[in-house]
Amino acid sequence: MKKLILGIALMALGVLGVIALLVSAMLSPLNPWTYNGVSGWWGCLLGMEMTLPFYSFLVLSAVGLGLALWGVFQKK
């Protein structure tokens, strides 16, 4: 049960982090970025050098999902 709760919490934190980064990229028309010809939200993340936190939050949510699934399907 503890693995399930920890997994859900980690997954929620990772998803919220990814959403926060994407919202900050979407609200960037006031300061548009073009990074080596890449525009849009990915160009904005590259221009603000936020790809490492983006990948970190994605990995955190994947680890949380793995822990939650492990907690659900664990034999007692």
N, C-alpha and C. Protein backbone atom coordinates (compact mmCIF):
# COMPACT_ATOMS: atom_id res chain seq x y z
N MET A 1 0.82 -1.20 0.00
CA MET A 1 0.00 0.00 0.00
C MET A 1 0.86 1.26 0.00
N LYS A 2 2.01 1.20 0.71
CA LYS A 2 2.89 2.37 0.78
C LYS A 2 3.51 2.67 -0.59
N LYS A 3 3.84 1.61 -1.34
CA LYS A 3 4.41 1.82 -2.68
C LYS A 3 3.40 2.48 -3.59
N LEU A 4 2.15 2.09 -3.47
CA LEU A 4 1.10 2.67 -4.30
C LEU A 4 0.93 4.16 -4.02
N ILE A 5 0.89 4.53 -2.75
CA ILE A 5 0.72 5.94 -2.38
C ILE A 5 1.94 6.75 -2.81
N LEU A 6 3.14 6.21 -2.58
CA LEU A 6 4.36 6.91 -3.01
C LEU A 6 4.39 7.06 -4.53
N GLY A 7 4.01 6.01 -5.25
CA GLY A 7 4.00 6.07 -6.71
C GLY A 7 3.01 7.10 -7.23
N ILE A 8 1.83 7.15 -6.63
CA ILE A 8 0.83 8.13 -7.05
C ILE A 8 1.32 9.54 -6.77
N ALA A 9 1.96 9.74 -5.61
CA ALA A 9 2.47 11.07 -5.27
C ALA A 9 3.58 11.50 -6.23
N LEU A 10 4.52 10.60 -6.52
CA LEU A 10 5.60 10.94 -7.45
C LEU A 10 5.07 11.21 -8.85
N MET A 11 4.12 10.40 -9.28
CA MET A 11 3.55 10.61 -10.61
C MET A 11 2.82 11.94 -10.68
N ALA A 12 2.10 12.29 -9.63
CA ALA A 12 1.39 13.57 -9.61
C ALA A 12 2.36 14.74 -9.65
N LEU A 13 3.45 14.65 -8.88
CA LEU A 13 4.45 15.72 -8.90
C LEU A 13 5.10 15.85 -10.27
N GLY A 14 5.41 14.73 -10.90
CA GLY A 14 6.01 14.77 -12.23
C GLY A 14 5.09 15.36 -13.27
N VAL A 15 3.83 14.97 -13.23
CA VAL A 15 2.85 15.49 -14.19
C VAL A 15 2.62 16.98 -13.96
N LEU A 16 2.52 17.39 -12.71
CA LEU A 16 2.35 18.82 -12.42
C LEU A 16 3.56 19.64 -12.88
N GLY A 17 4.75 19.09 -12.75
CA GLY A 17 5.94 19.78 -13.23
C GLY A 17 5.96 19.93 -14.74
N VAL A 18 5.59 18.85 -15.44
CA VAL A 18 5.53 18.92 -16.91
C VAL A 18 4.47 19.92 -17.35
N ILE A 19 3.32 19.90 -16.69
CA ILE A 19 2.26 20.85 -17.04
C ILE A 19 2.71 22.28 -16.78
N ALA A 20 3.41 22.51 -15.68
CA ALA A 20 3.88 23.87 -15.37
C ALA A 20 4.88 24.35 -16.43
N LEU A 21 5.78 23.48 -16.85
CA LEU A 21 6.74 23.87 -17.88
C LEU A 21 6.06 24.13 -19.22
N LEU A 22 5.09 23.30 -19.57
CA LEU A 22 4.39 23.52 -20.84
C LEU A 22 3.53 24.77 -20.80
N VAL A 23 2.93 25.06 -19.66
CA VAL A 23 2.14 26.29 -19.54
C VAL A 23 3.06 27.51 -19.64
N SER A 24 4.23 27.43 -19.02
CA SER A 24 5.16 28.56 -19.12
C SER A 24 5.64 28.73 -20.56
N ALA A 25 5.78 27.64 -21.30
CA ALA A 25 6.17 27.74 -22.71
C ALA A 25 5.02 28.28 -23.56
N MET A 26 3.80 27.91 -23.23
CA MET A 26 2.65 28.39 -24.00
C MET A 26 2.35 29.86 -23.72
N LEU A 27 2.66 30.33 -22.53
CA LEU A 27 2.42 31.73 -22.18
C LEU A 27 3.59 32.62 -22.57
N SER A 28 4.44 32.12 -23.44
CA SER A 28 5.63 32.85 -23.82
C SER A 28 5.50 33.74 -25.05
N PRO A 29 4.31 34.01 -25.60
CA PRO A 29 4.24 34.90 -26.76
C PRO A 29 4.75 36.30 -26.46
N LEU A 30 4.77 36.69 -25.20
CA LEU A 30 5.32 38.00 -24.86
C LEU A 30 6.82 38.03 -25.10
N ASN A 31 7.47 36.90 -25.01
CA ASN A 31 8.91 36.78 -25.23
C ASN A 31 9.14 35.55 -26.11
N PRO A 32 8.87 35.64 -27.41
CA PRO A 32 8.96 34.44 -28.27
C PRO A 32 10.40 33.96 -28.46
N TRP A 33 10.55 32.67 -28.52
CA TRP A 33 11.86 32.07 -28.71
C TRP A 33 11.90 31.34 -30.05
N THR A 34 13.02 31.43 -30.71
CA THR A 34 13.34 30.59 -31.85
C THR A 34 14.75 30.09 -31.63
N TYR A 35 14.90 28.80 -31.49
CA TYR A 35 16.19 28.21 -31.16
C TYR A 35 16.67 27.39 -32.35
N ASN A 36 17.65 27.92 -33.07
CA ASN A 36 18.21 27.28 -34.27
C ASN A 36 17.12 26.86 -35.25
N GLY A 37 16.15 27.73 -35.44
CA GLY A 37 15.08 27.46 -36.37
C GLY A 37 13.92 26.68 -35.79
N VAL A 38 14.04 26.25 -34.54
CA VAL A 38 12.95 25.52 -33.89
C VAL A 38 12.10 26.53 -33.14
N SER A 39 10.83 26.55 -33.45
CA SER A 39 9.94 27.48 -32.76
C SER A 39 8.84 26.68 -32.06
N GLY A 40 7.89 27.37 -31.51
CA GLY A 40 6.82 26.71 -30.78
C GLY A 40 7.22 26.43 -29.35
N TRP A 41 6.48 25.51 -28.71
CA TRP A 41 6.76 25.26 -27.30
C TRP A 41 8.08 24.55 -27.12
N TRP A 42 8.50 23.71 -28.06
CA TRP A 42 9.79 23.03 -27.92
C TRP A 42 10.94 24.02 -28.09
N GLY A 43 10.80 24.94 -29.02
CA GLY A 43 11.81 25.98 -29.19
C GLY A 43 11.90 26.88 -27.98
N CYS A 44 10.76 27.14 -27.35
CA CYS A 44 10.73 27.95 -26.13
C CYS A 44 11.45 27.22 -25.00
N LEU A 45 11.20 25.92 -24.85
CA LEU A 45 11.90 25.15 -23.80
C LEU A 45 13.40 25.08 -24.07
N LEU A 46 13.76 24.95 -25.34
CA LEU A 46 15.19 24.93 -25.68
C LEU A 46 15.83 26.29 -25.43
N GLY A 47 15.13 27.35 -25.79
CA GLY A 47 15.67 28.70 -25.63
C GLY A 47 15.82 29.09 -24.16
N MET A 48 14.88 28.66 -23.33
CA MET A 48 14.97 28.97 -21.90
C MET A 48 15.83 27.97 -21.15
N GLU A 49 16.40 27.00 -21.88
CA GLU A 49 17.23 25.93 -21.31
C GLU A 49 16.48 25.16 -20.22
N MET A 50 15.24 24.78 -20.55
CA MET A 50 14.41 24.05 -19.60
C MET A 50 14.19 22.60 -20.03
N THR A 51 15.02 22.07 -20.92
CA THR A 51 14.83 20.70 -21.36
C THR A 51 15.23 19.70 -20.26
N LEU A 52 16.27 20.01 -19.49
CA LEU A 52 16.68 19.10 -18.41
C LEU A 52 15.59 18.97 -17.35
N PRO A 53 14.98 20.06 -16.87
CA PRO A 53 13.86 19.88 -15.94
C PRO A 53 12.67 19.17 -16.59
N PHE A 54 12.43 19.42 -17.88
CA PHE A 54 11.33 18.75 -18.57
C PHE A 54 11.54 17.25 -18.57
N TYR A 55 12.74 16.81 -18.97
CA TYR A 55 13.03 15.39 -18.97
C TYR A 55 13.04 14.82 -17.55
N SER A 56 13.52 15.59 -16.59
CA SER A 56 13.53 15.13 -15.19
C SER A 56 12.11 14.88 -14.69
N PHE A 57 11.19 15.79 -14.99
CA PHE A 57 9.81 15.60 -14.57
C PHE A 57 9.17 14.42 -15.30
N LEU A 58 9.51 14.22 -16.57
CA LEU A 58 8.99 13.06 -17.29
C LEU A 58 9.48 11.76 -16.67
N VAL A 59 10.76 11.71 -16.31
CA VAL A 59 11.31 10.51 -15.67
C VAL A 59 10.68 10.30 -14.30
N LEU A 60 10.48 11.39 -13.54
CA LEU A 60 9.85 11.30 -12.24
C LEU A 60 8.44 10.73 -12.34
N SER A 61 7.68 11.17 -13.32
CA SER A 61 6.33 10.64 -13.48
C SER A 61 6.36 9.18 -13.94
N ALA A 62 7.32 8.80 -14.76
CA ALA A 62 7.43 7.40 -15.18
C ALA A 62 7.82 6.50 -14.01
N VAL A 63 8.72 6.97 -13.15
CA VAL A 63 9.10 6.20 -11.96
C VAL A 63 7.90 6.07 -11.03
N GLY A 64 7.15 7.14 -10.87
CA GLY A 64 5.96 7.09 -10.03
C GLY A 64 4.93 6.11 -10.57
N LEU A 65 4.74 6.11 -11.89
CA LEU A 65 3.82 5.16 -12.50
C LEU A 65 4.29 3.73 -12.28
N GLY A 66 5.59 3.51 -12.43
CA GLY A 66 6.15 2.18 -12.19
C GLY A 66 5.94 1.72 -10.75
N LEU A 67 6.19 2.60 -9.80
CA LEU A 67 5.98 2.25 -8.40
C LEU A 67 4.51 1.98 -8.10
N ALA A 68 3.63 2.77 -8.67
CA ALA A 68 2.19 2.57 -8.44
C ALA A 68 1.74 1.23 -9.02
N LEU A 69 2.20 0.91 -10.21
CA LEU A 69 1.83 -0.37 -10.81
C LEU A 69 2.42 -1.54 -10.03
N TRP A 70 3.64 -1.37 -9.54
CA TRP A 70 4.28 -2.40 -8.73
C TRP A 70 3.49 -2.61 -7.44
N GLY A 71 3.04 -1.53 -6.84
CA GLY A 71 2.24 -1.63 -5.62
C GLY A 71 0.89 -2.28 -5.85
N VAL A 72 0.31 -2.07 -7.03
CA VAL A 72 -1.00 -2.65 -7.33
C VAL A 72 -0.88 -4.15 -7.59
N PHE A 73 0.10 -4.55 -8.37
CA PHE A 73 0.22 -5.96 -8.80
C PHE A 73 1.13 -6.79 -7.93
N GLN A 74 1.57 -6.27 -6.81
CA GLN A 74 2.45 -7.01 -5.91
C GLN A 74 1.64 -8.09 -5.18
N LYS A 75 2.21 -9.30 -5.15
CA LYS A 75 1.55 -10.38 -4.42
C LYS A 75 1.88 -10.26 -2.94
N LYS A 76 0.91 -10.55 -2.13
CA LYS A 76 1.13 -10.43 -0.69
C LYS A 76 1.41 -11.77 -0.08
